[in-house]
């Protein structure tokens, strides 16, 4: 076995998203002498970043106050117009924004590519001396003899599918740090192991998720209104007794970002989130915007929806959780980049002070305390019952109850305590309780099939490598998932990774097309028996989103 080389740093950050980049920049602002590196599993910073996105600039204003005048691409398109529609199958009802609490407004926000924002932030970090290593996924947490986190190791390169070493084999690199920040995004695979090892979720509700599926379109300039933000609820999910909603944002250069989020606590195993998105696009009001346009990109990503009551303990010996690894998404606002970035900044301030005091590898309880005393906590506590209300009472009634609860909390008159969650995988019910859903065939103009969509995510993986979608028990997909639940993994995956073959000839088997994986993490979340374990593939694998 080849011995791994090691590199020492003051702080190692796993993940080059808003949280990780915000943390790196703040560390260097506080103490330019600190050695800081970021590991990013994508081929470049931004390659795996996917979000709507409408960005609240609150944290960015604190981090880099001159960002609007400094070439930041997010500054191109301020939000100018807010629409909210409740859809039936053929019509819409416009809902005004005035009944909502003031903090729900998008005034002062910006719409654009979060990936391009991260690319710009990466440039700012590098100017300050941060070392960024794209294409190097952190695959293993390293521990000191006392059990504290020592750092991480990157993935070995050049390993064949059978586990043998190919001619270009290179062992991973160990990165040792006084403190390691985990900024992997929703359902991070190392974060999952840390939560278990340090029992970080002992005093919080389980995290729950939605699957967000997104496309970029170039549309007819006559239909384009820069800065217009549209959200929808209702149809088509009302037909499958699930919930979620759509978005369509008019961004720069006659382009719209549109997508659909399906909450992963749906009961009916025949629900097909990708097809719900394609069906939503065929709504007359949505289709009218897209007709004459051209689809240019596609992607998908799981989204934290648990809210404040699902935020775990944030510190442990030698490290912290920041950003969506911890789960700071404001669900009704559909925003999390500002809270993610702020959490990274707070972690950096705590770590810089700890290192200055000669500390290392201990638990930074002051970071956890700082988050719980920050505007992150104040914001998320205002909306903490929004997701549970809608999950419990449905989209229409639940929205009314959620709005009432938010108003009461805003007025400091909360009468309903924080509500709880059940894990998404537990919600799926047996297939014999439901009828299959007949989704319309794609027309190739507005709606499309999965494989042609995945092609527009520019996803690529080295073919001859171990499968990064591991089955704990290979018999479970057929003996349990297919037999009892009609094989939901063939539908909940937005990239067609899971495919049941041989059903007609009575010899069913699950084929895993790992090369298609867009790293959304839905399978790791929704699999009924938690039999699927998502781990890192070889460096640089996965989607290559140009401006998502």
Protein backbone atom coordinates (compact mmCIF):
# COMPACT_ATOMS: atom_id res chain seq x y z
CA UNK A 1 0.00 0.00 0.00
CA UNK A 2 1.36 3.40 -1.00
CA UNK A 3 1.97 5.78 1.85
CA UNK A 4 0.00 8.99 1.61
CA UNK A 5 1.79 12.31 1.77
CA UNK A 6 0.46 14.98 4.10
CA UNK A 7 0.21 18.76 4.12
CA UNK A 8 -0.39 20.88 7.24
CA UNK A 9 -2.73 23.89 7.38
CA UNK A 10 -4.28 26.03 10.04
CA UNK A 11 -7.74 25.44 8.56
CA UNK A 12 -8.92 22.97 5.92
CA UNK A 13 -12.34 23.62 4.36
CA UNK A 14 -14.23 20.80 2.64
CA UNK A 15 -16.39 22.33 -0.08
CA UNK A 16 -16.12 25.39 -2.30
CA UNK A 17 -19.66 26.72 -2.03
CA UNK A 18 -20.86 29.98 -0.44
CA UNK A 19 -20.17 28.73 3.11
CA UNK A 20 -16.69 27.42 2.40
CA UNK A 21 -15.62 30.42 0.35
CA UNK A 22 -17.12 32.88 2.81
CA UNK A 23 -15.26 31.12 5.61
CA UNK A 24 -11.94 31.18 3.74
CA UNK A 25 -12.20 34.87 2.93
CA UNK A 26 -13.12 35.79 6.50
CA UNK A 27 -10.20 33.79 7.91
CA UNK A 28 -7.77 35.75 5.76
CA UNK A 29 -9.48 39.04 6.59
CA UNK A 30 -9.08 38.35 10.31
CA UNK A 31 -5.52 37.01 10.08
CA UNK A 32 -3.71 37.06 6.71
CA UNK A 33 -0.99 34.80 8.15
CA UNK A 34 -3.31 31.81 8.57
CA UNK A 35 -2.77 28.98 6.10
CA UNK A 36 -6.09 28.01 4.57
CA UNK A 37 -7.08 25.57 1.84
CA UNK A 38 -10.35 24.53 0.21
CA UNK A 39 -11.01 21.08 -1.25
CA UNK A 40 -13.66 21.12 -4.00
CA UNK A 41 -14.88 17.85 -5.52
CA UNK A 42 -16.06 19.49 -8.73
CA UNK A 43 -13.76 19.97 -11.70
CA UNK A 44 -13.76 23.69 -10.87
CA UNK A 45 -15.36 25.91 -8.26
CA UNK A 46 -19.01 26.25 -9.26
CA UNK A 47 -19.15 23.02 -11.26
CA UNK A 48 -21.39 21.35 -8.67
CA UNK A 49 -23.23 24.46 -7.47
CA UNK A 50 -26.93 24.53 -8.29
CA UNK A 51 -29.50 26.91 -6.89
CA UNK A 52 -32.42 28.99 -8.18
CA UNK A 53 -31.12 31.51 -7.27
CA UNK A 54 -32.50 34.61 -5.61
CA UNK A 55 -29.81 35.81 -3.23
CA UNK A 56 -30.27 37.92 -0.13
CA UNK A 57 -27.04 39.99 -0.06
CA UNK A 58 -26.99 40.42 3.73
CA UNK A 59 -23.96 38.22 4.37
CA UNK A 60 -22.19 39.34 1.20
CA UNK A 61 -22.56 42.94 2.34
CA UNK A 62 -20.83 42.03 5.61
CA UNK A 63 -18.07 40.02 3.93
CA UNK A 64 -17.22 42.20 0.92
CA UNK A 65 -19.11 45.51 1.17
CA UNK A 66 -18.00 46.72 -2.27
CA UNK A 67 -19.11 43.59 -4.15
CA UNK A 68 -21.61 45.48 -6.33
CA UNK A 69 -18.89 47.73 -7.74
CA UNK A 70 -16.23 45.02 -7.87
CA UNK A 71 -17.36 42.95 -10.84
CA UNK A 72 -19.53 40.46 -8.97
CA UNK A 73 -21.85 38.81 -11.52
CA UNK A 74 -24.72 38.65 -9.03
CA UNK A 75 -24.99 42.45 -9.16
CA UNK A 76 -26.20 42.34 -12.79
CA UNK A 77 -29.84 41.60 -12.02
CA UNK A 78 -31.58 43.04 -8.95
CA UNK A 79 -35.06 41.71 -8.28
CA UNK A 80 -37.62 44.12 -9.69
CA UNK A 81 -40.90 42.23 -9.66
CA UNK A 82 -42.43 39.52 -7.40
CA UNK A 83 -45.19 37.19 -8.57
CA UNK A 84 -46.80 34.24 -6.77
CA UNK A 85 -49.29 31.95 -8.50
CA UNK A 86 -51.48 29.14 -7.19
CA UNK A 87 -51.97 26.81 -10.14
CA UNK A 88 -54.84 24.58 -11.12
CA UNK A 89 -54.41 22.29 -14.11
CA UNK A 90 -55.39 24.96 -16.64
CA UNK A 91 -55.39 28.30 -14.83
CA UNK A 92 -53.69 30.40 -12.19
CA UNK A 93 -54.67 32.59 -9.26
CA UNK A 94 -52.28 35.43 -8.47
CA UNK A 95 -51.59 35.87 -4.78
CA UNK A 96 -50.43 39.33 -3.64
CA UNK A 97 -47.38 39.61 -1.44
CA UNK A 98 -48.84 42.08 1.05
CA UNK A 99 -50.42 39.40 3.32
CA UNK A 100 -46.99 37.97 3.99
CA UNK A 101 -44.74 39.26 6.79
CA UNK A 102 -42.24 41.94 5.71
CA UNK A 103 -39.25 39.60 6.03
CA UNK A 104 -40.62 37.50 3.14
CA UNK A 105 -40.04 40.31 0.63
CA UNK A 106 -37.49 39.93 -2.17
CA UNK A 107 -36.86 43.68 -2.34
CA UNK A 108 -33.13 44.35 -2.36
CA UNK A 109 -32.30 40.81 -3.48
CA UNK A 110 -30.58 39.67 -6.67
CA UNK A 111 -31.15 36.83 -9.11
CA UNK A 112 -28.41 35.06 -11.02
CA UNK A 113 -26.09 32.08 -11.09
CA UNK A 114 -24.88 30.95 -7.67
CA UNK A 115 -22.15 28.99 -9.44
CA UNK A 116 -20.83 32.15 -11.05
CA UNK A 117 -21.00 33.95 -7.70
CA UNK A 118 -18.85 31.18 -6.23
CA UNK A 119 -16.36 31.47 -9.07
CA UNK A 120 -16.05 35.17 -8.32
CA UNK A 121 -15.69 34.51 -4.58
CA UNK A 122 -12.99 31.94 -5.32
CA UNK A 123 -11.02 34.61 -7.14
CA UNK A 124 -11.31 36.89 -4.11
CA UNK A 125 -10.18 34.08 -1.82
CA UNK A 126 -7.16 33.31 -3.97
CA UNK A 127 -6.19 36.98 -4.02
CA UNK A 128 -5.99 36.75 -0.24
CA UNK A 129 -3.77 33.67 -0.38
CA UNK A 130 -6.29 30.85 0.05
CA UNK A 131 -5.23 27.66 -1.73
CA UNK A 132 -8.09 26.05 -3.66
CA UNK A 133 -7.85 22.50 -4.99
CA UNK A 134 -10.69 21.68 -7.42
CA UNK A 135 -11.07 18.08 -8.52
CA UNK A 136 -9.92 16.76 -5.13
CA UNK A 137 -12.85 15.36 -3.13
CA UNK A 138 -12.37 14.74 0.56
CA UNK A 139 -13.20 11.05 0.93
CA UNK A 140 -12.21 10.27 4.51
CA UNK A 141 -12.13 12.00 7.88
CA UNK A 142 -8.84 11.58 9.73
CA UNK A 143 -8.74 11.37 13.52
CA UNK A 144 -6.13 11.94 16.19
CA UNK A 145 -5.52 9.30 18.85
CA UNK A 146 -7.80 11.17 21.24
CA UNK A 147 -10.67 10.97 18.75
CA UNK A 148 -10.55 14.58 17.60
CA UNK A 149 -10.64 15.41 13.91
CA UNK A 150 -7.14 15.67 12.48
CA UNK A 151 -8.14 16.60 8.94
CA UNK A 152 -9.23 14.77 5.81
CA UNK A 153 -7.78 12.62 3.06
CA UNK A 154 -8.54 13.11 -0.61
CA UNK A 155 -9.78 10.32 -2.86
CA UNK A 156 -7.27 7.89 -4.35
CA UNK A 157 -6.97 8.33 -8.12
CA UNK A 158 -6.52 5.59 -10.71
CA UNK A 159 -8.40 2.80 -8.94
CA UNK A 160 -10.15 0.33 -11.27
CA UNK A 161 -13.71 -0.93 -10.86
CA UNK A 162 -12.42 -4.17 -9.34
CA UNK A 163 -10.32 -2.26 -6.79
CA UNK A 164 -6.97 -2.85 -8.47
CA UNK A 165 -4.54 -0.02 -9.14
CA UNK A 166 -4.28 1.18 -12.72
CA UNK A 167 -1.09 2.49 -14.28
CA UNK A 168 -1.93 6.09 -13.34
CA UNK A 169 -2.73 5.26 -9.71
CA UNK A 170 -2.04 7.99 -7.18
CA UNK A 171 -2.82 7.67 -3.48
CA UNK A 172 -4.84 10.41 -1.86
CA UNK A 173 -3.27 13.25 0.04
CA UNK A 174 -3.75 13.83 3.76
CA UNK A 175 -4.53 17.41 4.77
CA UNK A 176 -3.98 18.03 8.46
CA UNK A 177 -5.48 21.06 10.17
CA UNK A 178 -5.87 22.66 13.54
CA UNK A 179 -9.55 22.93 12.63
CA UNK A 180 -11.48 21.39 9.73
CA UNK A 181 -14.64 23.03 8.37
CA UNK A 182 -17.18 20.76 6.66
CA UNK A 183 -19.08 22.72 4.01
CA UNK A 184 -20.23 19.84 1.80
CA UNK A 185 -23.76 21.05 1.15
CA UNK A 186 -26.98 19.14 1.80
CA UNK A 187 -26.47 15.54 2.93
CA UNK A 188 -22.69 15.69 2.83
CA UNK A 189 -21.26 12.19 2.96
CA UNK A 190 -18.55 13.04 5.51
CA UNK A 191 -20.98 15.15 7.49
CA UNK A 192 -23.23 12.11 7.76
CA UNK A 193 -20.43 10.12 9.42
CA UNK A 194 -19.54 12.99 11.75
CA UNK A 195 -23.15 13.37 12.88
CA UNK A 196 -23.16 9.69 13.81
CA UNK A 197 -19.72 9.60 15.46
CA UNK A 198 -20.29 12.67 17.64
CA UNK A 199 -24.07 12.23 18.02
CA UNK A 200 -24.61 15.75 16.72
CA UNK A 201 -28.34 15.23 16.16
CA UNK A 202 -29.10 14.04 19.69
CA UNK A 203 -31.05 17.19 20.55
CA UNK A 204 -32.61 18.20 17.23
CA UNK A 205 -35.24 16.98 14.81
CA UNK A 206 -34.17 14.85 11.84
CA UNK A 207 -33.26 16.78 8.73
CA UNK A 208 -35.77 16.58 5.86
CA UNK A 209 -35.25 17.47 2.22
CA UNK A 210 -36.72 18.38 -1.12
CA UNK A 211 -35.34 17.54 -4.56
CA UNK A 212 -34.88 20.62 -6.72
CA UNK A 213 -34.68 20.07 -10.47
CA UNK A 214 -33.64 23.03 -12.60
CA UNK A 215 -33.22 24.12 -16.20
CA UNK A 216 -31.85 27.24 -17.86
CA UNK A 217 -33.61 28.54 -20.96
CA UNK A 218 -32.84 31.26 -23.47
CA UNK A 219 -36.24 32.79 -24.17
CA UNK A 220 -37.77 35.24 -26.61
CA UNK A 221 -36.47 38.71 -25.61
CA UNK A 222 -40.00 40.07 -25.96
CA UNK A 223 -41.04 37.85 -23.04
CA UNK A 224 -38.04 38.60 -20.85
CA UNK A 225 -38.38 40.95 -17.88
CA UNK A 226 -35.00 41.20 -16.10
CA UNK A 227 -35.39 40.79 -12.36
CA UNK A 228 -38.88 39.29 -12.42
CA UNK A 229 -39.28 36.51 -9.82
CA UNK A 230 -42.13 34.01 -10.05
CA UNK A 231 -43.06 31.24 -7.60
CA UNK A 232 -45.90 28.77 -7.96
CA UNK A 233 -47.66 26.24 -5.76
CA UNK A 234 -50.52 23.82 -6.27
CA UNK A 235 -50.78 21.82 -9.50
CA UNK A 236 -49.37 19.35 -10.51
CA UNK A 237 -48.45 18.00 -7.06
CA UNK A 238 -52.07 18.29 -5.93
CA UNK A 239 -52.78 15.29 -8.17
CA UNK A 240 -50.29 13.06 -6.30
CA UNK A 241 -51.01 14.29 -2.77
CA UNK A 242 -47.47 15.63 -2.37
CA UNK A 243 -46.23 19.16 -2.04
CA UNK A 244 -43.59 21.56 -3.32
CA UNK A 245 -43.60 24.24 -5.98
CA UNK A 246 -42.05 25.86 -9.02
CA UNK A 247 -39.92 28.89 -9.67
CA UNK A 248 -39.05 30.94 -12.74
CA UNK A 249 -36.51 33.76 -12.47
CA UNK A 250 -35.75 36.22 -15.26
CA UNK A 251 -31.98 36.61 -15.12
CA UNK A 252 -29.44 38.40 -17.35
CA UNK A 253 -29.05 37.99 -21.11
CA UNK A 254 -32.64 36.98 -21.95
CA UNK A 255 -32.30 33.87 -19.83
CA UNK A 256 -34.67 32.35 -17.29
CA UNK A 257 -33.82 29.89 -14.55
CA UNK A 258 -36.75 27.65 -13.83
CA UNK A 259 -37.21 24.64 -11.68
CA UNK A 260 -39.41 22.54 -9.49
CA UNK A 261 -38.99 21.35 -5.90
CA UNK A 262 -40.73 18.21 -4.66
CA UNK A 263 -40.63 17.56 -0.93
CA UNK A 264 -39.12 14.13 -0.35
CA UNK A 265 -41.61 13.16 2.35
CA UNK A 266 -44.13 12.02 -0.26
CA UNK A 267 -45.99 8.79 0.53
CA UNK A 268 -46.92 7.54 -2.93
CA UNK A 269 -43.97 5.51 -4.30
CA UNK A 270 -45.15 6.20 -7.84
CA UNK A 271 -44.41 9.95 -7.54
CA UNK A 272 -41.80 10.86 -10.13
CA UNK A 273 -40.26 14.29 -9.33
CA UNK A 274 -38.63 14.67 -12.75
CA UNK A 275 -41.95 14.06 -14.49
CA UNK A 276 -43.74 16.43 -12.12
CA UNK A 277 -41.32 19.14 -13.30
CA UNK A 278 -41.93 18.30 -16.97
CA UNK A 279 -45.69 18.35 -16.37
CA UNK A 280 -45.43 21.73 -14.58
CA UNK A 281 -43.68 23.24 -17.61
CA UNK A 282 -46.70 22.29 -19.75
CA UNK A 283 -49.03 24.46 -17.68
CA UNK A 284 -50.43 27.05 -20.10
CA UNK A 285 -48.99 30.00 -18.15
CA UNK A 286 -45.50 28.49 -17.89
CA UNK A 287 -45.50 27.13 -21.44
CA UNK A 288 -46.38 30.60 -22.76
CA UNK A 289 -43.13 31.97 -21.31
CA UNK A 290 -40.98 29.14 -22.70
CA UNK A 291 -42.45 28.79 -26.21
CA UNK A 292 -39.98 29.97 -28.81
CA UNK A 293 -37.10 29.50 -26.38
CA UNK A 294 -34.33 26.94 -26.08
CA UNK A 295 -33.23 24.82 -23.12
CA UNK A 296 -29.49 25.14 -22.48
CA UNK A 297 -28.75 23.44 -19.16
CA UNK A 298 -30.17 20.95 -16.64
CA UNK A 299 -29.34 19.82 -13.12
CA UNK A 300 -30.68 18.70 -9.75
CA UNK A 301 -29.77 18.94 -6.07
CA UNK A 302 -31.31 18.00 -2.73
CA UNK A 303 -32.29 20.93 -0.51
CA UNK A 304 -32.44 21.06 3.30
CA UNK A 305 -36.00 21.75 4.43
CA UNK A 306 -35.86 20.89 8.14
CA UNK A 307 -35.50 24.45 9.38
CA UNK A 308 -34.17 25.67 12.71
CA UNK A 309 -35.35 22.67 14.72
CA UNK A 310 -33.22 20.36 12.51
CA UNK A 311 -29.95 22.26 13.01
CA UNK A 312 -27.58 19.85 14.80
CA UNK A 313 -24.82 20.57 17.28
CA UNK A 314 -22.35 22.48 15.11
CA UNK A 315 -19.01 21.85 16.80
CA UNK A 316 -17.01 18.74 17.71
CA UNK A 317 -13.35 18.19 18.62
CA UNK A 318 -11.28 19.49 15.73
CA UNK A 319 -14.04 20.72 13.45
CA UNK A 320 -17.36 22.38 12.70
CA UNK A 321 -20.30 22.10 10.33
CA UNK A 322 -21.09 25.16 8.22
CA UNK A 323 -23.59 26.00 5.50
CA UNK A 324 -25.97 23.38 4.18
CA UNK A 325 -23.95 20.66 5.88
CA UNK A 326 -25.67 22.00 8.98
CA UNK A 327 -28.93 23.01 7.28
CA UNK A 328 -29.61 26.76 7.39
CA UNK A 329 -32.10 27.02 4.51
CA UNK A 330 -35.02 29.39 5.02
CA UNK A 331 -37.69 27.20 3.40
CA UNK A 332 -40.53 29.68 2.71
CA UNK A 333 -38.04 32.24 1.37
CA UNK A 334 -36.31 29.49 -0.67
CA UNK A 335 -32.95 30.93 0.32
CA UNK A 336 -29.90 29.57 2.09
CA UNK A 337 -26.77 31.04 0.54
CA UNK A 338 -26.80 34.09 2.84
CA UNK A 339 -27.20 32.03 6.01
CA UNK A 340 -24.61 29.52 4.75
CA UNK A 341 -22.09 32.26 4.12
CA UNK A 342 -22.74 33.88 7.48
CA UNK A 343 -22.22 30.58 9.29
CA UNK A 344 -18.85 30.20 7.58
CA UNK A 345 -17.88 33.71 8.64
CA UNK A 346 -18.83 33.02 12.26
CA UNK A 347 -16.85 29.77 12.24
CA UNK A 348 -13.81 31.60 10.88
CA UNK A 349 -13.95 34.29 13.54
CA UNK A 350 -14.11 31.61 16.23
CA UNK A 351 -11.29 29.56 14.68
CA UNK A 352 -9.01 32.56 14.17
CA UNK A 353 -9.43 33.53 17.84
CA UNK A 354 -8.85 29.95 18.99
CA UNK A 355 -5.67 29.58 16.94
CA UNK A 356 -4.42 32.95 18.19
CA UNK A 357 -4.91 31.62 21.72
CA UNK A 358 -2.79 28.57 20.92
CA UNK A 359 -5.69 26.13 20.70
CA UNK A 360 -6.19 23.33 18.17
CA UNK A 361 -8.27 20.17 17.68
CA UNK A 362 -10.71 21.10 20.45
CA UNK A 363 -14.44 21.76 20.20
CA UNK A 364 -15.28 25.37 19.35
CA UNK A 365 -18.45 25.70 21.39
CA UNK A 366 -18.20 29.46 20.91
CA UNK A 367 -19.03 28.98 17.20
CA UNK A 368 -22.20 27.04 17.99
CA UNK A 369 -23.16 29.72 20.50
CA UNK A 370 -22.42 32.50 18.01
CA UNK A 371 -24.73 30.97 15.40
CA UNK A 372 -27.53 30.57 17.93
CA UNK A 373 -27.14 34.23 18.90
CA UNK A 374 -26.89 35.52 15.31
CA UNK A 375 -29.35 36.78 12.73
CA UNK A 376 -29.28 33.26 11.26
CA UNK A 377 -31.16 31.99 14.31
CA UNK A 378 -33.49 34.98 14.46
CA UNK A 379 -34.43 34.54 10.79
CA UNK A 380 -34.91 30.77 10.90
CA UNK A 381 -36.93 30.81 14.12
CA UNK A 382 -39.49 33.08 12.41
CA UNK A 383 -40.19 30.41 9.77
CA UNK A 384 -39.49 27.20 11.67
CA UNK A 385 -43.05 25.88 11.41
CA UNK A 386 -43.58 26.66 7.72
CA UNK A 387 -42.39 23.29 6.37
CA UNK A 388 -44.10 21.19 9.06
CA UNK A 389 -47.38 23.07 8.58
CA UNK A 390 -47.45 22.43 4.83
CA UNK A 391 -46.26 18.83 5.28
CA UNK A 392 -49.05 18.18 7.80
CA UNK A 393 -51.97 20.08 6.29
CA UNK A 394 -51.14 20.20 2.57
CA UNK A 395 -50.21 23.01 0.23
CA UNK A 396 -53.33 25.20 0.48
CA UNK A 397 -54.38 24.98 4.13
CA UNK A 398 -50.79 24.49 5.25
CA UNK A 399 -49.71 27.71 3.52
CA UNK A 400 -52.42 29.66 5.38
CA UNK A 401 -51.40 28.17 8.73
CA UNK A 402 -47.71 28.74 7.95
CA UNK A 403 -48.37 32.38 7.09
CA UNK A 404 -50.34 32.87 10.31
CA UNK A 405 -47.58 31.28 12.38
CA UNK A 406 -44.93 33.46 10.72
CA UNK A 407 -46.96 36.61 11.44
CA UNK A 408 -47.39 35.62 15.10
CA UNK A 409 -43.67 34.93 15.45
CA UNK A 410 -42.83 38.21 13.71
CA UNK A 411 -45.10 40.02 16.19
CA UNK A 412 -43.45 38.03 19.02
CA UNK A 413 -46.71 36.24 19.77
CA UNK A 414 -45.86 32.60 19.00
CA UNK A 415 -48.66 30.31 20.13
CA UNK A 416 -47.54 27.11 18.41
CA UNK A 417 -44.31 25.46 19.59
CA UNK A 418 -41.72 24.23 17.11
CA UNK A 419 -43.15 21.27 15.23
CA UNK A 420 -41.24 18.09 14.47
CA UNK A 421 -40.30 16.00 11.45
CA UNK A 422 -40.10 12.38 10.36
CA UNK A 423 -37.29 11.22 8.11
CA UNK A 424 -38.22 11.31 4.42
CA UNK A 425 -37.36 7.64 3.89
CA UNK A 426 -39.93 6.67 6.53
CA UNK A 427 -42.77 8.37 4.64
CA UNK A 428 -42.83 6.06 1.61
CA UNK A 429 -45.78 3.66 1.72
CA UNK A 430 -46.41 0.33 -0.02
CA UNK A 431 -47.19 0.39 -3.72
CA UNK A 432 -50.35 -1.72 -3.32
CA UNK A 433 -51.97 1.25 -1.58
CA UNK A 434 -51.66 3.42 -4.71
CA UNK A 435 -52.23 3.39 -8.43
CA UNK A 436 -49.36 4.10 -10.86
CA UNK A 437 -49.36 7.69 -12.13
CA UNK A 438 -49.71 8.11 -15.90
CA UNK A 439 -47.32 10.92 -16.80
CA UNK A 440 -47.54 12.40 -20.33
CA UNK A 441 -44.83 11.63 -22.83
CA UNK A 442 -42.33 14.45 -23.47
CA UNK A 443 -42.90 16.55 -26.57
CA UNK A 444 -39.20 17.39 -27.05
CA UNK A 445 -40.06 21.09 -27.16
CA UNK A 446 -41.11 22.03 -23.64
CA UNK A 447 -40.84 18.69 -21.84
CA UNK A 448 -38.03 16.16 -22.23
CA UNK A 449 -36.83 12.73 -21.12
CA UNK A 450 -34.26 12.19 -18.38
CA UNK A 451 -31.31 11.01 -20.45
CA UNK A 452 -31.38 13.95 -22.87
CA UNK A 453 -31.68 16.18 -19.82
CA UNK A 454 -28.66 14.64 -18.08
CA UNK A 455 -26.65 15.33 -21.24
CA UNK A 456 -27.22 19.04 -20.55
CA UNK A 457 -25.70 18.70 -17.08
CA UNK A 458 -22.40 17.84 -18.79
CA UNK A 459 -21.96 15.02 -16.30
CA UNK A 460 -18.94 12.77 -16.66
CA UNK A 461 -17.27 10.11 -14.52
CA UNK A 462 -14.26 7.95 -15.20
CA UNK A 463 -15.90 4.69 -16.29
CA UNK A 464 -13.40 2.25 -14.81
CA UNK A 465 -13.64 3.12 -11.12
CA UNK A 466 -15.45 1.63 -8.11
CA UNK A 467 -19.15 2.49 -8.01
CA UNK A 468 -19.69 5.44 -5.69
CA UNK A 469 -23.31 4.37 -5.03
CA UNK A 470 -22.83 1.55 -2.59
CA UNK A 471 -25.47 -1.00 -1.63
CA UNK A 472 -25.18 -2.26 1.92
CA UNK A 473 -27.19 -5.35 0.90
CA UNK A 474 -27.44 -6.08 -2.86
CA UNK A 475 -30.64 -8.11 -2.35
CA UNK A 476 -32.67 -5.22 -0.90
CA UNK A 477 -33.52 -3.39 -4.16
CA UNK A 478 -35.35 -6.37 -5.62
CA UNK A 479 -36.55 -8.21 -2.51
CA UNK A 480 -37.86 -5.13 -0.69
CA UNK A 481 -37.89 -1.99 -2.81
CA UNK A 482 -39.24 -3.53 -6.01
CA UNK A 483 -41.48 -6.13 -4.38
CA UNK A 484 -43.14 -3.85 -1.83
CA UNK A 485 -42.65 -0.30 -3.16
CA UNK A 486 -42.53 -0.76 -6.97
CA UNK A 487 -38.85 0.25 -7.13
CA UNK A 488 -39.07 3.96 -6.29
CA UNK A 489 -35.33 4.51 -6.93
CA UNK A 490 -36.10 4.21 -10.63
CA UNK A 491 -38.29 7.32 -10.28
CA UNK A 492 -36.90 9.55 -7.53
CA UNK A 493 -33.47 9.80 -9.18
CA UNK A 494 -33.46 12.79 -11.55
CA UNK A 495 -30.63 11.32 -13.64
CA UNK A 496 -31.79 7.78 -14.45
CA UNK A 497 -29.04 6.18 -12.37
CA UNK A 498 -31.20 3.35 -11.03
CA UNK A 499 -32.82 1.01 -13.54
CA UNK A 500 -34.64 -2.28 -12.97
CA UNK A 501 -33.98 -4.79 -15.74
CA UNK A 502 -35.37 -8.26 -16.39
CA UNK A 503 -38.79 -7.64 -14.86
CA UNK A 504 -40.59 -9.03 -17.93
CA UNK A 505 -38.69 -12.32 -17.93
CA UNK A 506 -39.13 -12.81 -14.20
CA UNK A 507 -35.48 -12.20 -13.32
CA UNK A 508 -35.43 -8.62 -12.04
CA UNK A 509 -32.16 -6.95 -11.11
CA UNK A 510 -31.08 -3.40 -10.35
CA UNK A 511 -28.60 -1.76 -12.70
CA UNK A 512 -26.75 1.29 -11.35
CA UNK A 513 -25.69 3.71 -14.09
CA UNK A 514 -23.27 5.60 -11.86
CA UNK A 515 -21.88 7.61 -14.75
CA UNK A 516 -25.18 9.52 -14.92
CA UNK A 517 -25.05 10.67 -11.28
CA UNK A 518 -25.44 14.44 -10.82
CA UNK A 519 -24.55 14.21 -7.09
CA UNK A 520 -27.99 15.36 -5.96
CA UNK A 521 -27.97 12.90 -2.97
CA UNK A 522 -31.68 12.03 -3.34
CA UNK A 523 -30.99 8.28 -3.26
CA UNK A 524 -29.02 8.59 -0.03
CA UNK A 525 -32.00 10.40 1.50
CA UNK A 526 -35.14 8.74 0.14
CA UNK A 527 -34.13 5.06 -0.07
CA UNK A 528 -36.70 3.32 2.14
CA UNK A 529 -34.27 1.02 3.98
CA UNK A 530 -31.29 3.41 3.84
CA UNK A 531 -29.49 0.71 1.87
CA UNK A 532 -27.79 3.17 -0.53
CA UNK A 533 -24.67 4.96 0.67
CA UNK A 534 -23.36 7.78 -1.52
CA UNK A 535 -19.57 8.19 -1.35
CA UNK A 536 -17.20 10.32 -3.39
CA UNK A 537 -16.26 9.20 -6.89
CA UNK A 538 -12.89 9.95 -8.42
CA UNK A 539 -11.95 13.62 -8.42
CA UNK A 540 -13.62 15.95 -10.88
CA UNK A 541 -16.44 13.49 -11.61
CA UNK A 542 -20.06 14.54 -11.73
CA UNK A 543 -21.84 17.47 -13.35
CA UNK A 544 -20.08 20.43 -14.88
CA UNK A 545 -22.65 23.17 -14.55
CA UNK A 546 -21.63 26.22 -16.58
CA UNK A 547 -23.76 28.87 -14.83
CA UNK A 548 -26.30 27.18 -12.60
